[in-house]
Amino acid sequence: MNVKLLNGPNFDRRGLLALDVDGTLLTSVGELSIRTRRAVLAADRAGWQVALISGRPLPYVLPVARDLGVGHYVVAANGSTVAEIETGATLYQADMSGQLVRTTLSELRRALPAVRAAVTTSRGFHAEPGFDVLAPLSKADATVVDDATPLADDVVHSVVLFAFGADATDLCAQISELAPAGLHVSPSGLPGSVELTAPGVHKGSGLAHLVELLAIDRHNVVAFGDGLNDHEMLMWAGHGVAMGNAAAETQALADEVTASNDRDGVAIVVERLLGEHAGDRPALS
């Protein structure tokens, strides 16, 4: 693989770090290490924008992002939503038709009866029993319902489909065969689950919307990820960094492979990015 190093002299001060959360920023036990926190906060102080990029729905990722205390923006639901972390204000939202999601869920449940759903609409985040096992939520974050199918006239922001004990890759393949052309299926980042989005929506497209809003050149974006749903983001960014714990196919398409999430892989790259040239911002070459 052709590995590009961050070692040139003329990096734009207003760069952006795009950080996948699970398996990348967080360790395998879901913690943010002291070293990684320090590195990301140092980048923020040095003038970098920091964004968390997650497959989690916005109502779930916002409390996590605020608790982590790093970053100003979040791209949630695999690129469907871009929001400010502090205020929760939505800056961009890709929507789906409530009727289309209703019809799709009905057909999927007939073919795959074990599949359950968690759906975000303008009415809030509604999750079917068991979702809290994958992603613990407070009552303020979600409403647990027996059936999360949206109303026909709902505007749907995100849909997570999950099945206990399922392999996310297998589930993604099964649902992709059944989903209509008007919906895109991708791994969600949570165990045994997938995400439904509008066509052409993925982490890369959500990141592109954020970069446009911030008037940052895509070549000044350094993106970190470990999963299948990070592929578009890693390829779109000026410099894509795959984690050491990522699958071989993810590492193969990145510009660089760092250490694993349990060995401060994000911090290693960020420290080098900040420290190779005192007072200068290294370029991506």
Protein backbone atom coordinates (compact mmCIF):
# COMPACT_ATOMS: atom_id res chain seq x y z
CA MET A 1 0.00 0.00 0.00
CA ASN A 2 1.16 3.52 -0.77
CA VAL A 3 1.42 5.25 2.62
CA LYS A 4 1.45 9.05 2.56
CA LEU A 5 3.17 10.75 5.46
CA LEU A 6 2.14 14.04 7.03
CA ASN A 7 5.43 15.81 6.54
CA GLY A 8 5.16 18.74 4.14
CA PRO A 9 5.53 22.44 5.01
CA ASN A 10 2.39 24.32 3.96
CA PHE A 11 -0.72 22.89 5.58
CA ASP A 12 -3.71 25.26 5.76
CA ARG A 13 -4.27 26.29 9.37
CA ARG A 14 -7.98 25.64 9.07
CA GLY A 15 -7.83 21.89 8.63
CA LEU A 16 -10.36 19.44 10.01
CA LEU A 17 -9.97 16.16 11.90
CA ALA A 18 -12.85 13.79 11.09
CA LEU A 19 -12.98 11.10 13.77
CA ASP A 20 -15.07 7.95 13.63
CA VAL A 21 -16.17 7.13 17.19
CA ASP A 22 -16.58 3.41 17.86
CA GLY A 23 -13.45 1.40 17.12
CA THR A 24 -11.45 4.53 16.29
CA LEU A 25 -11.63 7.38 18.79
CA LEU A 26 -12.80 5.06 21.58
CA THR A 27 -11.01 1.96 22.83
CA SER A 28 -12.52 -1.50 22.55
CA VAL A 29 -14.16 -0.98 25.97
CA GLY A 30 -15.72 2.30 24.85
CA GLU A 31 -13.36 4.70 26.61
CA LEU A 32 -11.44 7.76 25.42
CA SER A 33 -7.83 7.34 26.50
CA ILE A 34 -6.01 10.16 28.23
CA ARG A 35 -3.41 10.38 25.47
CA THR A 36 -6.00 10.55 22.68
CA ARG A 37 -8.07 13.16 24.52
CA ARG A 38 -4.98 15.32 25.03
CA ALA A 39 -3.96 15.03 21.38
CA VAL A 40 -7.40 15.97 20.04
CA LEU A 41 -7.75 18.89 22.46
CA ALA A 42 -4.27 20.08 21.45
CA ALA A 43 -5.35 20.05 17.80
CA ASP A 44 -8.43 22.07 18.71
CA ARG A 45 -6.30 24.65 20.52
CA ALA A 46 -3.95 24.80 17.54
CA GLY A 47 -6.78 25.91 15.27
CA TRP A 48 -8.06 22.64 13.83
CA GLN A 49 -11.77 21.96 13.52
CA VAL A 50 -12.72 18.63 15.11
CA ALA A 51 -15.76 16.60 14.06
CA LEU A 52 -17.03 13.24 15.30
CA ILE A 53 -18.33 11.02 12.50
CA SER A 54 -20.70 8.27 13.63
CA GLY A 55 -23.17 5.74 12.37
CA ARG A 56 -25.23 6.31 15.51
CA PRO A 57 -28.47 8.32 15.22
CA LEU A 58 -28.16 11.94 16.33
CA PRO A 59 -30.23 11.57 19.53
CA TYR A 60 -27.85 8.85 20.66
CA VAL A 61 -24.53 10.30 19.55
CA LEU A 62 -25.06 13.81 20.98
CA PRO A 63 -24.96 12.73 24.65
CA VAL A 64 -21.89 10.60 23.91
CA ALA A 65 -20.17 13.48 22.11
CA ARG A 66 -20.90 15.91 24.93
CA ASP A 67 -19.64 13.44 27.51
CA LEU A 68 -16.39 12.96 25.56
CA GLY A 69 -15.80 16.69 25.59
CA VAL A 70 -13.98 16.84 22.25
CA GLY A 71 -15.11 18.26 18.94
CA HIS A 72 -17.56 20.95 17.87
CA TYR A 73 -19.55 19.12 15.19
CA VAL A 74 -20.99 15.68 14.62
CA VAL A 75 -21.92 13.84 11.45
CA ALA A 76 -24.47 11.26 12.59
CA ALA A 77 -26.56 8.43 11.15
CA ASN A 78 -23.93 7.50 8.58
CA GLY A 79 -23.94 10.94 7.01
CA SER A 80 -27.65 11.73 7.19
CA THR A 81 -27.29 14.45 9.83
CA VAL A 82 -24.77 17.20 10.53
CA ALA A 83 -25.16 19.08 13.81
CA GLU A 84 -23.41 21.23 16.39
CA ILE A 85 -22.49 19.21 19.45
CA GLU A 86 -23.03 21.93 22.07
CA THR A 87 -26.41 23.21 20.92
CA GLY A 88 -27.70 20.18 19.02
CA ALA A 89 -28.65 22.51 16.16
CA THR A 90 -28.99 20.63 12.88
CA LEU A 91 -26.91 22.11 10.07
CA TYR A 92 -27.84 19.54 7.40
CA GLN A 93 -30.40 16.76 7.24
CA ALA A 94 -31.04 14.13 4.55
CA ASP A 95 -34.61 12.85 4.87
CA MET A 96 -36.60 9.80 3.81
CA SER A 97 -40.28 9.39 3.07
CA GLY A 98 -42.31 7.98 5.96
CA GLN A 99 -44.44 5.98 3.54
CA LEU A 100 -41.38 4.46 1.84
CA VAL A 101 -39.88 3.46 5.19
CA ARG A 102 -43.24 2.03 6.36
CA THR A 103 -43.55 -0.15 3.26
CA THR A 104 -39.92 -1.26 3.49
CA LEU A 105 -40.17 -2.19 7.17
CA SER A 106 -43.33 -4.19 6.54
CA GLU A 107 -41.64 -6.23 3.81
CA LEU A 108 -38.44 -6.69 5.81
CA ARG A 109 -40.31 -7.90 8.90
CA ARG A 110 -42.12 -10.53 6.84
CA ALA A 111 -38.86 -11.84 5.39
CA LEU A 112 -36.70 -11.33 8.51
CA PRO A 113 -38.99 -11.49 11.56
CA ALA A 114 -36.10 -11.09 14.03
CA VAL A 115 -35.29 -7.60 12.76
CA ARG A 116 -36.23 -4.68 15.00
CA ALA A 117 -36.06 -0.95 14.36
CA ALA A 118 -35.03 2.36 15.89
CA VAL A 119 -36.34 5.35 13.94
CA THR A 120 -35.73 9.09 14.17
CA THR A 121 -38.41 11.43 12.83
CA SER A 122 -39.37 15.02 13.52
CA ARG A 123 -41.47 13.55 16.37
CA GLY A 124 -38.38 12.16 18.11
CA PHE A 125 -36.33 8.98 18.44
CA HIS A 126 -38.39 5.80 18.88
CA ALA A 127 -36.63 2.49 19.55
CA GLU A 128 -38.04 -0.99 19.81
CA PRO A 129 -37.23 -3.14 22.87
CA GLY A 130 -33.63 -4.33 22.97
CA PHE A 131 -32.01 -1.34 21.29
CA ASP A 132 -30.79 -0.17 24.68
CA VAL A 133 -28.68 -3.35 24.84
CA LEU A 134 -26.74 -2.12 21.80
CA ALA A 135 -26.78 1.54 22.75
CA PRO A 136 -27.79 2.50 26.31
CA LEU A 137 -30.11 5.50 26.29
CA SER A 138 -31.81 7.61 28.92
CA LYS A 139 -35.56 8.28 28.81
CA ALA A 140 -34.69 11.80 27.69
CA ASP A 141 -32.86 10.45 24.64
CA ALA A 142 -35.36 7.91 23.33
CA THR A 143 -38.89 6.56 23.64
CA VAL A 144 -39.14 2.76 23.79
CA VAL A 145 -42.09 1.50 21.75
CA ASP A 146 -43.32 -1.92 20.61
CA ASP A 147 -43.39 -0.76 16.99
CA ALA A 148 -41.17 2.09 15.78
CA THR A 149 -42.63 2.12 12.25
CA PRO A 150 -43.08 5.76 11.23
CA LEU A 151 -46.36 7.32 10.14
CA ALA A 152 -46.98 7.64 6.42
CA ASP A 153 -46.64 11.43 6.56
CA ASP A 154 -43.56 11.42 8.81
CA VAL A 155 -40.26 12.88 7.64
CA VAL A 156 -37.73 10.21 8.61
CA HIS A 157 -34.20 11.24 9.55
CA SER A 158 -32.63 7.85 10.33
CA VAL A 159 -33.46 4.16 10.58
CA VAL A 160 -31.37 1.55 12.40
CA LEU A 161 -32.33 -2.09 11.92
CA PHE A 162 -30.95 -4.62 14.38
CA ALA A 163 -31.19 -8.30 15.26
CA PHE A 164 -29.75 -9.94 18.37
CA GLY A 165 -26.78 -12.18 17.63
CA ALA A 166 -26.69 -11.18 13.97
CA ASP A 167 -23.50 -10.50 12.05
CA ALA A 168 -23.70 -6.93 10.72
CA THR A 169 -22.15 -7.85 7.37
CA ASP A 170 -24.58 -10.74 6.82
CA LEU A 171 -27.52 -8.63 7.94
CA CYS A 172 -26.47 -5.84 5.59
CA ALA A 173 -26.33 -8.29 2.66
CA GLN A 174 -29.76 -9.77 3.50
CA ILE A 175 -31.47 -6.40 3.86
CA SER A 176 -29.76 -4.98 0.76
CA GLU A 177 -31.41 -7.70 -1.33
CA LEU A 178 -34.84 -6.72 0.00
CA ALA A 179 -34.61 -2.93 0.25
CA PRO A 180 -36.07 -0.80 -2.57
CA ALA A 181 -33.95 1.37 -4.85
CA GLY A 182 -35.02 4.47 -2.94
CA LEU A 183 -33.07 3.46 0.18
CA HIS A 184 -29.39 2.74 0.81
CA VAL A 185 -28.24 0.05 3.26
CA SER A 186 -24.95 0.23 5.16
CA PRO A 187 -23.45 -1.04 8.45
CA SER A 188 -24.46 1.26 11.31
CA GLY A 189 -21.40 0.88 13.52
CA LEU A 190 -23.39 -0.82 16.29
CA PRO A 191 -23.20 -4.62 16.72
CA GLY A 192 -25.65 -6.66 14.64
CA SER A 193 -27.23 -3.62 13.01
CA VAL A 194 -27.50 -1.70 9.74
CA GLU A 195 -28.63 1.77 8.73
CA LEU A 196 -31.14 2.82 6.09
CA THR A 197 -30.39 6.16 4.44
CA ALA A 198 -31.40 8.02 1.32
CA PRO A 199 -29.41 7.03 -1.80
CA GLY A 200 -25.99 8.66 -2.01
CA VAL A 201 -25.88 9.33 1.73
CA HIS A 202 -22.90 8.01 3.65
CA LYS A 203 -20.23 9.33 6.02
CA GLY A 204 -18.31 10.82 3.13
CA SER A 205 -21.29 12.81 1.87
CA GLY A 206 -22.14 14.05 5.37
CA LEU A 207 -18.53 15.11 5.91
CA ALA A 208 -18.58 16.91 2.55
CA HIS A 209 -21.61 18.95 3.67
CA LEU A 210 -19.84 19.93 6.89
CA VAL A 211 -16.64 20.90 5.08
CA GLU A 212 -18.65 23.05 2.66
CA LEU A 213 -20.39 24.82 5.57
CA LEU A 214 -17.03 25.51 7.22
CA ALA A 215 -15.37 26.58 3.96
CA ILE A 216 -12.54 24.10 4.40
CA ASP A 217 -10.75 22.53 1.43
CA ARG A 218 -11.29 18.77 1.36
CA HIS A 219 -7.52 18.33 0.91
CA ASN A 220 -7.13 19.77 4.42
CA VAL A 221 -9.31 17.04 5.95
CA VAL A 222 -7.70 14.14 7.83
CA ALA A 223 -10.23 11.35 8.40
CA PHE A 224 -9.86 8.37 10.75
CA GLY A 225 -11.94 5.18 10.61
CA ASP A 226 -12.00 1.43 11.12
CA GLY A 227 -15.21 0.08 9.60
CA LEU A 228 -16.95 -0.66 6.33
CA ASN A 229 -19.15 2.41 6.79
CA ASP A 230 -15.99 4.57 6.92
CA HIS A 231 -14.81 3.69 3.41
CA GLU A 232 -16.37 6.61 1.53
CA MET A 233 -15.13 9.06 4.15
CA LEU A 234 -11.57 7.73 4.09
CA MET A 235 -11.46 7.93 0.30
CA TRP A 236 -13.08 11.39 0.12
CA ALA A 237 -10.80 13.10 2.65
CA GLY A 238 -7.48 14.62 1.68
CA HIS A 239 -5.81 12.06 3.92
CA GLY A 240 -7.55 8.88 5.08
CA VAL A 241 -6.16 7.04 8.12
CA ALA A 242 -7.25 3.48 8.84
CA MET A 243 -6.87 2.07 12.33
CA GLY A 244 -4.66 -0.92 13.06
CA ASN A 245 -7.77 -2.81 14.19
CA ALA A 246 -9.54 -2.20 10.86
CA ALA A 247 -10.16 -5.01 8.40
CA ALA A 248 -7.65 -5.52 5.60
CA GLU A 249 -10.02 -4.09 2.98
CA THR A 250 -10.37 -0.86 4.99
CA GLN A 251 -6.61 -0.55 5.49
CA ALA A 252 -6.00 -1.14 1.79
CA LEU A 253 -7.96 1.91 0.65
CA ALA A 254 -6.51 4.33 3.24
CA ASP A 255 -3.54 6.62 2.72
CA GLU A 256 -2.03 5.52 6.02
CA VAL A 257 -2.51 2.82 8.65
CA THR A 258 -1.93 3.79 12.26
CA ALA A 259 -1.92 1.76 15.47
CA SER A 260 -5.13 0.24 16.83
CA ASN A 261 -7.75 2.09 18.85
CA ASP A 262 -6.41 0.36 21.98
CA ARG A 263 -2.90 1.68 21.24
CA ASP A 264 -3.77 5.35 20.73
CA GLY A 265 -3.70 5.19 16.93
CA VAL A 266 -5.49 8.53 16.58
CA ALA A 267 -3.14 10.26 19.02
CA ILE A 268 -0.04 8.97 17.23
CA VAL A 269 -1.05 10.62 13.95
CA VAL A 270 -2.39 13.83 15.52
CA GLU A 271 0.75 14.30 17.63
CA ARG A 272 2.89 13.91 14.53
CA LEU A 273 0.64 16.26 12.59
CA LEU A 274 1.02 18.94 15.26
CA GLY A 275 4.62 18.38 16.18
CA GLU A 276 6.73 17.66 13.10
CA HIS A 277 7.25 21.37 12.37
CA ALA A 278 7.15 23.73 15.31
CA GLY A 279 4.82 26.61 14.56
CA ASP A 280 3.95 25.12 11.15
CA ARG A 281 1.11 22.95 9.99
CA PRO A 282 2.44 19.86 8.10
CA ALA A 283 1.00 19.24 4.65
CA LEU A 284 -0.48 16.06 3.26
CA SER A 285 1.83 14.91 0.50
